[in-house]
Amino acid sequence: MTQPSIAKLKAIIGAERDMGDIPEILSLEKINSDEPYWNVTIRSSNVTMRITDPRDIIDYRRFVTQCFKQLNMVFPLVKQAMWQNTLREVMPRMTEKQADEDTTREGHFRELLETFLTNRMRGKVREDLLRGAPWEDEGSRQHYFTMAALATFLERAGMRKVDRKDIATWIRALGGGPQNLTIKNYRKRCWWVPSDAVDEAPELHVPTMPESAI
C-alpha cells in the first residue's frame, strides 16, 4: 500500500489538528563514529539536537520527547505510520560524515599509546618488560610492551571499559601484533608496534635559575 504524501497527510488530519504543529526536519546529519550519532534540526528552532539512539528518531513519541528535552518544544501526537512517511521523505536529504579521529575511541587510544610508550617511566633494557614498562628495540625499530600493562595504563588514564580485543585490533591497525620474547630464560608474551607509529615525546629542559645574591 502506497503511503500518502505530506500534502495528503495535511488534508487527512488538517480538520483535527494543524500539520504545521508537527516537527518538520530541516536537516539530518549522521556522524559515523564508534557509536554513530545524528544531528537534527527542525523548523522554528535554531538549536541542533544531538541524538545518540536511532530509536529516538524512528519512534515518533521518542522523537517529540527529545524535542521537549533538548528544545523545550511540545508537539501533538500523530500515528506512527504518518511519522514514518515523513522520515521517508527526509532520508534522501540526510548527509553523512566521519567523526574527527581524535574524538573516537581509537583516536583516544592512539594518543594514550604514544604517552605510554614515550613517557619517562619507559624501560631502558629488555628486562624492564618484566616489571610492566614498555621498551624500544632500537635495532628492530619496534616498541614492545605487555597487554596487561597497557590495559592498566589506559584505564588509569580515563579510558574506561576498554576491551582487550579492541586494543589488539587497534595495535594491528598500526602495523603491530603479538610476539613472544625470551627474557632471562623466561618466555614472555608481548605486543609491539613500529617505532614510527608514534611520535617521540619532546625532551623538556628545565631552565637554570640564577643564583640569588646574598
N, C-alpha and C. Protein backbone atom coordinates (compact mmCIF):
# COMPACT_ATOMS: atom_id res chain seq x y z
N MET A 1 0.85 -1.19 0.00
CA MET A 1 0.00 0.00 0.00
C MET A 1 0.88 1.25 0.00
N THR A 2 0.58 2.17 -0.92
CA THR A 2 1.37 3.39 -1.02
C THR A 2 1.06 4.35 0.12
N GLN A 3 2.13 4.84 0.78
CA GLN A 3 1.94 5.79 1.87
C GLN A 3 1.57 7.16 1.32
N PRO A 4 0.66 7.87 1.97
CA PRO A 4 0.28 9.21 1.49
C PRO A 4 1.41 10.21 1.64
N SER A 5 1.44 11.20 0.75
CA SER A 5 2.45 12.24 0.81
C SER A 5 2.14 13.20 1.95
N ILE A 6 3.09 14.11 2.21
CA ILE A 6 2.87 15.11 3.26
C ILE A 6 1.64 15.96 2.94
N ALA A 7 1.48 16.31 1.67
CA ALA A 7 0.33 17.13 1.29
C ALA A 7 -0.98 16.39 1.60
N LYS A 8 -1.02 15.08 1.29
CA LYS A 8 -2.24 14.32 1.58
C LYS A 8 -2.44 14.17 3.08
N LEU A 9 -1.32 14.02 3.81
CA LEU A 9 -1.44 13.92 5.25
C LEU A 9 -2.07 15.17 5.84
N LYS A 10 -1.63 16.31 5.30
CA LYS A 10 -2.20 17.58 5.78
C LYS A 10 -3.70 17.61 5.54
N ALA A 11 -4.12 17.09 4.38
CA ALA A 11 -5.54 17.09 4.06
C ALA A 11 -6.30 16.12 4.95
N ILE A 12 -5.64 14.96 5.26
CA ILE A 12 -6.30 13.94 6.06
C ILE A 12 -6.52 14.40 7.49
N ILE A 13 -5.51 14.99 8.10
CA ILE A 13 -5.61 15.33 9.52
C ILE A 13 -5.82 16.82 9.76
N GLY A 14 -5.88 17.58 8.69
CA GLY A 14 -5.99 19.02 8.85
C GLY A 14 -7.21 19.45 9.63
N ALA A 15 -8.28 18.69 9.50
CA ALA A 15 -9.50 19.07 10.20
C ALA A 15 -9.37 18.86 11.69
N GLU A 16 -8.48 17.96 12.11
CA GLU A 16 -8.32 17.66 13.52
C GLU A 16 -7.23 18.47 14.19
N ARG A 17 -6.12 18.69 13.47
CA ARG A 17 -5.01 19.45 14.06
C ARG A 17 -4.19 20.06 12.93
N ASP A 18 -3.47 21.09 13.25
CA ASP A 18 -2.64 21.78 12.27
C ASP A 18 -1.37 20.96 12.01
N MET A 19 -1.17 20.55 10.76
CA MET A 19 0.01 19.76 10.42
C MET A 19 1.28 20.55 10.69
N GLY A 20 1.19 21.88 10.66
CA GLY A 20 2.36 22.70 10.92
C GLY A 20 2.87 22.56 12.33
N ASP A 21 2.04 22.02 13.23
CA ASP A 21 2.46 21.82 14.61
C ASP A 21 3.32 20.58 14.77
N ILE A 22 3.38 19.74 13.75
CA ILE A 22 4.20 18.52 13.81
C ILE A 22 5.63 18.88 13.42
N PRO A 23 6.66 18.36 14.14
CA PRO A 23 8.04 18.74 13.84
C PRO A 23 8.44 18.46 12.39
N GLU A 24 8.98 19.47 11.76
CA GLU A 24 9.45 19.35 10.38
C GLU A 24 10.98 19.37 10.39
N ILE A 25 11.57 18.28 9.96
CA ILE A 25 13.03 18.15 9.96
C ILE A 25 13.61 18.93 8.79
N LEU A 26 14.44 19.93 9.11
CA LEU A 26 15.08 20.72 8.07
C LEU A 26 16.41 20.11 7.63
N SER A 27 17.15 19.54 8.57
CA SER A 27 18.42 18.91 8.23
C SER A 27 18.64 17.70 9.13
N LEU A 28 19.24 16.67 8.54
CA LEU A 28 19.54 15.42 9.25
C LEU A 28 20.94 14.99 8.85
N GLU A 29 21.84 14.92 9.81
CA GLU A 29 23.24 14.57 9.56
C GLU A 29 23.64 13.40 10.44
N LYS A 30 24.24 12.38 9.82
CA LYS A 30 24.72 11.21 10.56
C LYS A 30 26.24 11.29 10.68
N ILE A 31 26.75 11.18 11.90
CA ILE A 31 28.19 11.19 12.15
C ILE A 31 28.62 9.75 12.43
N ASN A 32 29.42 9.20 11.54
CA ASN A 32 29.89 7.83 11.69
C ASN A 32 31.10 7.79 12.62
N SER A 33 30.91 7.13 13.77
CA SER A 33 31.96 7.00 14.76
C SER A 33 31.88 5.60 15.35
N ASP A 34 32.59 5.36 16.48
CA ASP A 34 32.46 4.06 17.15
C ASP A 34 30.99 3.79 17.45
N GLU A 35 30.33 4.79 17.96
CA GLU A 35 28.88 4.75 18.16
C GLU A 35 28.30 5.93 17.39
N PRO A 36 27.66 5.68 16.23
CA PRO A 36 27.17 6.80 15.41
C PRO A 36 26.13 7.64 16.15
N TYR A 37 26.04 8.91 15.76
CA TYR A 37 25.00 9.77 16.31
C TYR A 37 24.50 10.68 15.20
N TRP A 38 23.38 11.34 15.47
CA TRP A 38 22.72 12.14 14.46
C TRP A 38 22.52 13.57 14.96
N ASN A 39 22.72 14.54 14.08
CA ASN A 39 22.41 15.93 14.35
C ASN A 39 21.13 16.28 13.59
N VAL A 40 20.14 16.75 14.33
CA VAL A 40 18.82 17.01 13.74
C VAL A 40 18.41 18.45 14.02
N THR A 41 18.00 19.14 12.98
CA THR A 41 17.47 20.50 13.13
C THR A 41 16.04 20.51 12.62
N ILE A 42 15.14 21.10 13.40
CA ILE A 42 13.75 21.19 12.98
C ILE A 42 13.35 22.66 12.81
N ARG A 43 12.29 22.88 12.09
CA ARG A 43 11.81 24.24 11.85
C ARG A 43 11.40 24.91 13.16
N SER A 44 11.63 26.21 13.22
CA SER A 44 11.30 27.06 14.37
C SER A 44 12.26 26.90 15.53
N SER A 45 13.41 26.27 15.29
CA SER A 45 14.42 26.15 16.34
C SER A 45 15.80 26.36 15.74
N ASN A 46 16.62 27.15 16.42
CA ASN A 46 18.00 27.38 15.97
C ASN A 46 18.98 26.40 16.62
N VAL A 47 18.44 25.53 17.48
CA VAL A 47 19.27 24.57 18.19
C VAL A 47 19.26 23.23 17.45
N THR A 48 20.45 22.64 17.29
CA THR A 48 20.56 21.33 16.66
C THR A 48 20.56 20.26 17.73
N MET A 49 19.66 19.31 17.60
CA MET A 49 19.60 18.21 18.56
C MET A 49 20.65 17.17 18.21
N ARG A 50 21.29 16.64 19.23
CA ARG A 50 22.20 15.51 19.06
C ARG A 50 21.50 14.27 19.60
N ILE A 51 21.30 13.29 18.74
CA ILE A 51 20.58 12.07 19.10
C ILE A 51 21.50 10.87 18.94
N THR A 52 21.67 10.12 20.01
CA THR A 52 22.60 9.00 20.01
C THR A 52 21.92 7.65 19.82
N ASP A 53 20.62 7.59 20.00
CA ASP A 53 19.88 6.34 19.83
C ASP A 53 18.96 6.50 18.62
N PRO A 54 19.12 5.69 17.57
CA PRO A 54 18.28 5.85 16.38
C PRO A 54 16.79 5.70 16.66
N ARG A 55 16.46 5.00 17.74
CA ARG A 55 15.04 4.85 18.08
C ARG A 55 14.42 6.18 18.45
N ASP A 56 15.25 7.14 18.88
CA ASP A 56 14.74 8.46 19.23
C ASP A 56 14.40 9.28 17.99
N ILE A 57 14.71 8.76 16.83
CA ILE A 57 14.30 9.39 15.57
C ILE A 57 13.16 8.61 14.94
N ILE A 58 13.30 7.30 14.91
CA ILE A 58 12.33 6.45 14.23
C ILE A 58 10.98 6.45 14.94
N ASP A 59 11.02 6.39 16.26
CA ASP A 59 9.78 6.35 17.03
C ASP A 59 9.30 7.78 17.30
N TYR A 60 8.09 8.10 16.84
CA TYR A 60 7.60 9.48 16.93
C TYR A 60 7.50 9.96 18.38
N ARG A 61 6.97 9.11 19.25
CA ARG A 61 6.82 9.52 20.66
C ARG A 61 8.18 9.82 21.27
N ARG A 62 9.19 9.01 20.95
CA ARG A 62 10.53 9.25 21.48
C ARG A 62 11.15 10.50 20.86
N PHE A 63 10.83 10.75 19.57
CA PHE A 63 11.39 11.93 18.92
C PHE A 63 10.85 13.21 19.56
N VAL A 64 9.52 13.28 19.78
CA VAL A 64 8.96 14.50 20.37
C VAL A 64 9.41 14.64 21.83
N THR A 65 9.74 13.52 22.48
CA THR A 65 10.31 13.59 23.83
C THR A 65 11.68 14.27 23.78
N GLN A 66 12.49 13.94 22.75
CA GLN A 66 13.78 14.61 22.58
C GLN A 66 13.59 16.09 22.28
N CYS A 67 12.56 16.42 21.51
CA CYS A 67 12.27 17.83 21.22
C CYS A 67 11.96 18.59 22.51
N PHE A 68 11.20 17.95 23.39
CA PHE A 68 10.88 18.59 24.68
C PHE A 68 12.14 18.71 25.54
N LYS A 69 12.93 17.65 25.57
CA LYS A 69 14.11 17.60 26.42
C LYS A 69 15.19 18.57 25.96
N GLN A 70 15.45 18.64 24.65
CA GLN A 70 16.56 19.44 24.14
C GLN A 70 16.15 20.83 23.65
N LEU A 71 14.91 20.97 23.19
CA LEU A 71 14.49 22.23 22.58
C LEU A 71 13.42 22.97 23.36
N ASN A 72 12.87 22.33 24.39
CA ASN A 72 11.74 22.90 25.14
C ASN A 72 10.54 23.15 24.23
N MET A 73 10.31 22.23 23.32
CA MET A 73 9.20 22.35 22.38
C MET A 73 8.27 21.14 22.54
N VAL A 74 6.97 21.41 22.44
CA VAL A 74 5.95 20.37 22.61
C VAL A 74 5.17 20.23 21.31
N PHE A 75 4.92 18.98 20.91
CA PHE A 75 4.21 18.69 19.67
C PHE A 75 3.08 17.70 19.93
N PRO A 76 2.02 17.79 19.13
CA PRO A 76 0.90 16.83 19.28
C PRO A 76 1.30 15.45 18.79
N LEU A 77 0.57 14.46 19.25
CA LEU A 77 0.84 13.09 18.83
C LEU A 77 0.15 12.82 17.49
N VAL A 78 0.83 12.01 16.66
CA VAL A 78 0.25 11.54 15.41
C VAL A 78 0.52 10.04 15.32
N LYS A 79 -0.11 9.40 14.38
CA LYS A 79 0.10 7.97 14.20
C LYS A 79 1.53 7.71 13.73
N GLN A 80 2.10 6.60 14.19
CA GLN A 80 3.47 6.24 13.84
C GLN A 80 3.64 6.11 12.33
N ALA A 81 2.64 5.60 11.65
CA ALA A 81 2.74 5.43 10.19
C ALA A 81 2.93 6.77 9.49
N MET A 82 2.30 7.81 10.00
CA MET A 82 2.45 9.13 9.41
C MET A 82 3.88 9.64 9.60
N TRP A 83 4.44 9.39 10.78
CA TRP A 83 5.82 9.83 11.03
C TRP A 83 6.80 9.06 10.16
N GLN A 84 6.59 7.80 9.98
CA GLN A 84 7.46 7.01 9.11
C GLN A 84 7.45 7.53 7.69
N ASN A 85 6.28 7.95 7.23
CA ASN A 85 6.19 8.52 5.89
C ASN A 85 6.98 9.82 5.80
N THR A 86 6.93 10.62 6.87
CA THR A 86 7.71 11.85 6.91
C THR A 86 9.20 11.55 6.83
N LEU A 87 9.64 10.55 7.57
CA LEU A 87 11.07 10.19 7.55
C LEU A 87 11.50 9.69 6.18
N ARG A 88 10.62 8.98 5.47
CA ARG A 88 10.97 8.52 4.13
C ARG A 88 11.27 9.69 3.20
N GLU A 89 10.58 10.78 3.40
CA GLU A 89 10.84 11.95 2.56
C GLU A 89 12.12 12.67 2.97
N VAL A 90 12.48 12.55 4.26
CA VAL A 90 13.67 13.23 4.76
C VAL A 90 14.95 12.46 4.43
N MET A 91 14.91 11.13 4.47
CA MET A 91 16.10 10.31 4.35
C MET A 91 16.96 10.60 3.12
N PRO A 92 16.39 10.87 1.93
CA PRO A 92 17.25 11.17 0.78
C PRO A 92 18.09 12.44 0.96
N ARG A 93 17.68 13.30 1.90
CA ARG A 93 18.43 14.53 2.15
C ARG A 93 19.43 14.40 3.30
N MET A 94 19.47 13.23 3.94
CA MET A 94 20.40 13.04 5.05
C MET A 94 21.84 13.02 4.54
N THR A 95 22.74 13.70 5.25
CA THR A 95 24.16 13.71 4.90
C THR A 95 24.92 12.85 5.92
N GLU A 96 26.08 12.36 5.52
CA GLU A 96 26.92 11.54 6.38
C GLU A 96 28.35 12.04 6.35
N LYS A 97 29.04 11.94 7.47
CA LYS A 97 30.46 12.26 7.50
C LYS A 97 31.13 11.49 8.63
N GLN A 98 32.44 11.32 8.51
CA GLN A 98 33.20 10.62 9.53
C GLN A 98 33.52 11.56 10.69
N ALA A 99 33.48 11.02 11.89
CA ALA A 99 33.86 11.80 13.06
C ALA A 99 35.36 12.09 13.02
N ASP A 100 35.78 13.21 13.59
CA ASP A 100 37.20 13.53 13.69
C ASP A 100 37.90 12.42 14.45
N GLU A 101 39.09 12.04 13.99
CA GLU A 101 39.79 10.89 14.56
C GLU A 101 40.01 11.02 16.06
N ASP A 102 40.37 12.23 16.52
CA ASP A 102 40.68 12.37 17.94
C ASP A 102 39.43 12.38 18.83
N THR A 103 38.25 12.24 18.23
CA THR A 103 37.02 12.14 19.02
C THR A 103 36.54 10.71 19.13
N THR A 104 37.21 9.77 18.46
CA THR A 104 36.82 8.37 18.51
C THR A 104 37.63 7.63 19.58
N ARG A 105 37.18 6.46 19.96
CA ARG A 105 37.92 5.66 20.94
C ARG A 105 39.26 5.22 20.38
N GLU A 106 39.31 4.92 19.09
CA GLU A 106 40.59 4.53 18.50
C GLU A 106 41.56 5.70 18.51
N GLY A 107 41.06 6.90 18.20
CA GLY A 107 41.92 8.08 18.24
C GLY A 107 42.42 8.35 19.65
N HIS A 108 41.53 8.18 20.64
CA HIS A 108 41.92 8.35 22.04
C HIS A 108 42.98 7.32 22.41
N PHE A 109 42.80 6.09 21.94
CA PHE A 109 43.78 5.03 22.22
C PHE A 109 45.15 5.40 21.67
N ARG A 110 45.20 5.90 20.47
CA ARG A 110 46.50 6.23 19.86
C ARG A 110 47.22 7.33 20.63
N GLU A 111 46.45 8.31 21.12
CA GLU A 111 47.06 9.37 21.92
C GLU A 111 47.66 8.80 23.21
N LEU A 112 46.90 7.93 23.87
CA LEU A 112 47.38 7.36 25.13
C LEU A 112 48.52 6.37 24.90
N LEU A 113 48.47 5.63 23.80
CA LEU A 113 49.57 4.70 23.48
C LEU A 113 50.87 5.46 23.31
N GLU A 114 50.81 6.60 22.65
CA GLU A 114 52.01 7.42 22.45
C GLU A 114 52.60 7.84 23.79
N THR A 115 51.71 8.26 24.71
CA THR A 115 52.18 8.65 26.04
C THR A 115 52.79 7.46 26.77
N PHE A 116 52.13 6.32 26.69
CA PHE A 116 52.60 5.11 27.37
C PHE A 116 53.98 4.69 26.89
N LEU A 117 54.22 4.79 25.59
CA LEU A 117 55.48 4.30 25.02
C LEU A 117 56.63 5.28 25.16
N THR A 118 56.34 6.56 25.34
CA THR A 118 57.42 7.55 25.31
C THR A 118 57.58 8.31 26.62
N ASN A 119 56.80 7.98 27.65
CA ASN A 119 56.94 8.74 28.90
C ASN A 119 58.23 8.35 29.63
N ARG A 120 58.51 9.07 30.69
CA ARG A 120 59.79 8.91 31.38
C ARG A 120 59.91 7.59 32.14
N MET A 121 58.80 6.86 32.29
CA MET A 121 58.83 5.59 33.00
C MET A 121 59.14 4.42 32.08
N ARG A 122 59.38 4.68 30.81
CA ARG A 122 59.63 3.58 29.87
C ARG A 122 60.94 2.87 30.23
N GLY A 123 61.05 1.62 29.81
CA GLY A 123 62.22 0.83 30.11
C GLY A 123 63.43 1.19 29.27
N LYS A 124 64.59 0.85 29.79
CA LYS A 124 65.83 1.10 29.07
C LYS A 124 66.41 -0.19 28.48
N VAL A 125 66.05 -1.32 29.09
CA VAL A 125 66.54 -2.61 28.62
C VAL A 125 65.36 -3.58 28.52
N ARG A 126 65.57 -4.69 27.80
CA ARG A 126 64.52 -5.67 27.58
C ARG A 126 63.92 -6.19 28.89
N GLU A 127 64.77 -6.37 29.91
CA GLU A 127 64.31 -6.91 31.19
C GLU A 127 63.24 -6.05 31.84
N ASP A 128 63.18 -4.78 31.47
CA ASP A 128 62.18 -3.89 32.07
C ASP A 128 60.75 -4.29 31.70
N LEU A 129 60.61 -5.09 30.65
CA LEU A 129 59.28 -5.58 30.27
C LEU A 129 58.67 -6.43 31.39
N LEU A 130 59.52 -7.08 32.18
CA LEU A 130 59.03 -7.93 33.26
C LEU A 130 58.37 -7.13 34.37
N ARG A 131 58.71 -5.85 34.50
CA ARG A 131 58.06 -5.01 35.51
C ARG A 131 56.94 -4.17 34.92
N GLY A 132 56.59 -4.44 33.65
CA GLY A 132 55.46 -3.76 33.03
C GLY A 132 55.80 -2.51 32.25
N ALA A 133 57.09 -2.15 32.17
CA ALA A 133 57.48 -0.94 31.43
C ALA A 133 57.65 -1.26 29.95
N PRO A 134 57.23 -0.37 29.06
CA PRO A 134 57.47 -0.59 27.63
C PRO A 134 58.95 -0.40 27.31
N TRP A 135 59.41 -1.05 26.26
CA TRP A 135 60.82 -0.97 25.87
C TRP A 135 60.93 -0.90 24.36
N GLU A 136 61.80 -0.01 23.87
CA GLU A 136 62.01 0.11 22.43
C GLU A 136 63.29 -0.60 22.03
N ASP A 137 63.17 -1.51 21.08
CA ASP A 137 64.33 -2.17 20.49
C ASP A 137 64.78 -1.30 19.32
N GLU A 138 65.82 -0.53 19.54
CA GLU A 138 66.27 0.40 18.51
C GLU A 138 66.81 -0.32 17.27
N GLY A 139 67.27 -1.58 17.47
CA GLY A 139 67.76 -2.34 16.33
C GLY A 139 66.67 -2.70 15.35
N SER A 140 65.55 -3.19 15.89
CA SER A 140 64.42 -3.58 15.03
C SER A 140 63.44 -2.44 14.81
N ARG A 141 63.64 -1.32 15.52
CA ARG A 141 62.75 -0.16 15.44
C ARG A 141 61.32 -0.56 15.80
N GLN A 142 61.19 -1.20 16.99
CA GLN A 142 59.88 -1.65 17.46
C GLN A 142 59.74 -1.36 18.94
N HIS A 143 58.55 -0.91 19.33
CA HIS A 143 58.22 -0.73 20.74
C HIS A 143 57.55 -2.01 21.23
N TYR A 144 58.05 -2.56 22.34
CA TYR A 144 57.47 -3.75 22.95
C TYR A 144 56.80 -3.40 24.28
N PHE A 145 55.75 -4.14 24.60
CA PHE A 145 55.03 -3.91 25.85
C PHE A 145 54.13 -5.11 26.10
N THR A 146 53.61 -5.22 27.32
CA THR A 146 52.67 -6.29 27.63
C THR A 146 51.25 -5.75 27.55
N MET A 147 50.33 -6.62 27.18
CA MET A 147 48.93 -6.23 27.09
C MET A 147 48.40 -5.78 28.44
N ALA A 148 48.78 -6.52 29.50
CA ALA A 148 48.29 -6.18 30.85
C ALA A 148 48.72 -4.79 31.27
N ALA A 149 49.99 -4.45 31.02
CA ALA A 149 50.49 -3.14 31.43
C ALA A 149 49.80 -2.03 30.64
N LEU A 150 49.60 -2.24 29.34
CA LEU A 150 48.95 -1.22 28.52
C LEU A 150 47.49 -1.04 28.94
N ALA A 151 46.77 -2.14 29.14
CA ALA A 151 45.36 -2.06 29.53
C ALA A 151 45.20 -1.32 30.86
N THR A 152 46.09 -1.61 31.81
CA THR A 152 46.04 -0.92 33.11
C THR A 152 46.30 0.57 32.94
N PHE A 153 47.26 0.93 32.10
CA PHE A 153 47.56 2.34 31.85
C PHE A 153 46.36 3.05 31.23
N LEU A 154 45.72 2.42 30.26
CA LEU A 154 44.58 3.03 29.58
C LEU A 154 43.45 3.31 30.57
N GLU A 155 43.19 2.36 31.46
CA GLU A 155 42.12 2.55 32.44
C GLU A 155 42.46 3.66 33.42
N ARG A 156 43.70 3.71 33.86
CA ARG A 156 44.10 4.77 34.78
C ARG A 156 44.08 6.13 34.11
N ALA A 157 44.27 6.15 32.79
CA ALA A 157 44.27 7.41 32.05
C ALA A 157 42.85 7.85 31.68
N GLY A 158 41.85 7.08 32.09
CA GLY A 158 40.47 7.51 31.87
C GLY A 158 39.74 6.81 30.75
N MET A 159 40.37 5.82 30.10
CA MET A 159 39.71 5.09 29.02
C MET A 159 39.01 3.88 29.63
N ARG A 160 37.76 4.09 30.05
CA ARG A 160 37.04 3.08 30.80
C ARG A 160 36.47 1.99 29.90
N LYS A 161 36.30 0.82 30.50
CA LYS A 161 35.66 -0.32 29.85
C LYS A 161 36.30 -0.63 28.49
N VAL A 162 37.62 -0.57 28.44
CA VAL A 162 38.29 -0.88 27.19
C VAL A 162 38.43 -2.39 27.05
N ASP A 163 38.05 -2.92 25.90
CA ASP A 163 38.10 -4.35 25.63
C ASP A 163 39.45 -4.69 25.02
N ARG A 164 40.08 -5.75 25.53
CA ARG A 164 41.40 -6.12 25.01
C ARG A 164 41.34 -6.55 23.55
N LYS A 165 40.18 -7.04 23.12
CA LYS A 165 40.03 -7.37 21.69
C LYS A 165 40.12 -6.11 20.85
N ASP A 166 39.55 -5.01 21.34
CA ASP A 166 39.65 -3.73 20.63
C ASP A 166 41.10 -3.25 20.61
N ILE A 167 41.79 -3.39 21.75
CA ILE A 167 43.19 -2.98 21.81
C ILE A 167 44.01 -3.74 20.77
N ALA A 168 43.80 -5.06 20.68
CA ALA A 168 44.52 -5.87 19.71
C ALA A 168 44.23 -5.42 18.28
N THR A 169 42.97 -5.10 18.01
CA THR A 169 42.59 -4.63 16.67
C THR A 169 43.30 -3.32 16.33
N TRP A 170 43.33 -2.39 17.30
CA TRP A 170 43.97 -1.08 17.08
C TRP A 170 45.48 -1.22 16.91
N ILE A 171 46.08 -2.17 17.66
CA ILE A 171 47.53 -2.40 17.53
C ILE A 171 47.84 -2.92 16.13
N ARG A 172 47.05 -3.87 15.65
CA ARG A 172 47.27 -4.43 14.31
C ARG A 172 47.06 -3.37 13.23
N ALA A 173 46.14 -2.43 13.48
CA ALA A 173 45.92 -1.35 12.52
C ALA A 173 47.14 -0.46 12.39
N LEU A 174 47.98 -0.43 13.44
CA LEU A 174 49.22 0.35 13.42
C LEU A 174 50.39 -0.44 12.83
N GLY A 175 50.11 -1.67 12.41
CA GLY A 175 51.16 -2.50 11.82
C GLY A 175 51.86 -3.40 12.81
N GLY A 176 51.34 -3.49 14.04
CA GLY A 176 51.96 -4.30 15.07
C GLY A 176 51.27 -5.62 15.27
N GLY A 177 51.61 -6.30 16.40
CA GLY A 177 51.00 -7.58 16.70
C GLY A 177 51.67 -8.23 17.90
N PRO A 178 51.29 -9.47 18.23
CA PRO A 178 51.87 -10.17 19.36
C PRO A 178 53.21 -10.82 19.00
N GLN A 179 54.05 -11.01 20.00
CA GLN A 179 55.34 -11.69 19.79
C GLN A 179 55.86 -12.19 21.13
N ASN A 180 56.35 -13.41 21.15
CA ASN A 180 56.96 -13.97 22.35
C ASN A 180 58.43 -13.59 22.41
N LEU A 181 58.87 -13.09 23.55
CA LEU A 181 60.27 -12.72 23.75
C LEU A 181 60.85 -13.56 24.89
N THR A 182 62.12 -13.93 24.75
CA THR A 182 62.80 -14.64 25.82
C THR A 182 63.58 -13.63 26.65
N ILE A 183 63.23 -13.55 27.94
CA ILE A 183 63.85 -12.58 28.85
C ILE A 183 64.32 -13.33 30.08
N LYS A 184 65.64 -13.37 30.28
CA LYS A 184 66.22 -14.09 31.43
C LYS A 184 65.69 -15.52 31.50
N ASN A 185 65.76 -16.21 30.36
CA ASN A 185 65.31 -17.60 30.25
C ASN A 185 63.81 -17.78 30.50
N TYR A 186 63.08 -16.66 30.42
CA TYR A 186 61.63 -16.70 30.63
C TYR A 186 60.96 -16.25 29.34
N ARG A 187 60.00 -17.06 28.86
CA ARG A 187 59.30 -16.71 27.63
C ARG A 187 58.11 -15.83 27.96
N LYS A 188 58.16 -14.60 27.48
CA LYS A 188 57.16 -13.59 27.81
C LYS A 188 56.36 -13.20 26.57
N ARG A 189 55.03 -13.29 26.66
CA ARG A 189 54.20 -12.85 25.54
C ARG A 189 54.07 -11.33 25.58
N CYS A 190 54.48 -10.71 24.52
CA CYS A 190 54.43 -9.25 24.42
C CYS A 190 53.69 -8.84 23.15
N TRP A 191 53.48 -7.55 23.04
CA TRP A 191 52.93 -6.95 21.82
C TRP A 191 53.89 -5.87 21.37
N TRP A 192 53.81 -5.49 20.11
CA TRP A 192 54.72 -4.48 19.59
C TRP A 192 54.02 -3.62 18.54
N VAL A 193 54.54 -2.43 18.36
CA VAL A 193 54.15 -1.55 17.25
C VAL A 193 55.43 -0.96 16.67
N PRO A 194 55.45 -0.60 15.40
CA PRO A 194 56.64 0.02 14.82
C PRO A 194 56.98 1.32 15.53
N SER A 195 58.24 1.63 15.63
CA SER A 195 58.66 2.87 16.30
C SER A 195 58.08 4.10 15.64
N ASP A 196 57.91 4.04 14.30
CA ASP A 196 57.38 5.22 13.62
C ASP A 196 55.86 5.34 13.72
N ALA A 197 55.22 4.41 14.47
CA ALA A 197 53.77 4.50 14.66
C ALA A 197 53.41 5.57 15.68
N VAL A 198 54.40 6.00 16.49
CA VAL A 198 54.17 7.04 17.48
C VAL A 198 55.26 8.09 17.35
N ASP A 199 54.94 9.29 17.77
CA ASP A 199 55.91 10.39 17.75
C ASP A 199 56.65 10.44 19.08
N GLU A 200 57.94 10.64 19.00
CA GLU A 200 58.75 10.73 20.21
C GLU A 200 58.38 11.99 20.98
N ALA A 201 58.16 11.84 22.28
CA ALA A 201 57.84 13.00 23.11
C ALA A 201 59.04 13.92 23.17
N PRO A 202 58.84 15.22 22.99
CA PRO A 202 59.97 16.15 23.04
C PRO A 202 60.58 16.20 24.44
N GLU A 203 61.87 16.30 24.49
CA GLU A 203 62.55 16.38 25.78
C GLU A 203 62.54 17.83 26.25
N LEU A 204 62.03 18.03 27.46
CA LEU A 204 61.91 19.37 28.01
C LEU A 204 63.08 19.65 28.93
N HIS A 205 63.72 20.78 28.72
CA HIS A 205 64.87 21.16 29.53
C HIS A 205 64.43 22.22 30.54
N VAL A 206 64.73 21.96 31.79
CA VAL A 206 64.39 22.92 32.84
C VAL A 206 65.43 24.03 32.84
N PRO A 207 65.01 25.28 32.69
CA PRO A 207 65.99 26.37 32.66
C PRO A 207 66.74 26.50 33.98
N THR A 208 68.02 26.85 33.88
CA THR A 208 68.83 27.04 35.07
C THR A 208 68.52 28.38 35.72
N MET A 209 68.18 28.34 37.00
CA MET A 209 67.82 29.55 37.70
C MET A 209 69.09 30.23 38.22
N PRO A 210 69.20 31.50 38.02
CA PRO A 210 70.40 32.20 38.51
C PRO A 210 70.46 32.19 40.02
N GLU A 211 71.65 32.07 40.53
CA GLU A 211 71.82 32.06 41.97
C GLU A 211 71.52 33.46 42.52
N SER A 212 70.79 33.45 43.63
CA SER A 212 70.43 34.74 44.23
C SER A 212 71.61 35.29 45.00
N ALA A 213 71.82 36.57 44.88
CA ALA A 213 72.93 37.22 45.60
C ALA A 213 72.54 37.39 47.05
N ILE A 214 73.46 37.05 47.91
CA ILE A 214 73.19 37.21 49.36
C ILE A 214 73.99 38.41 49.87
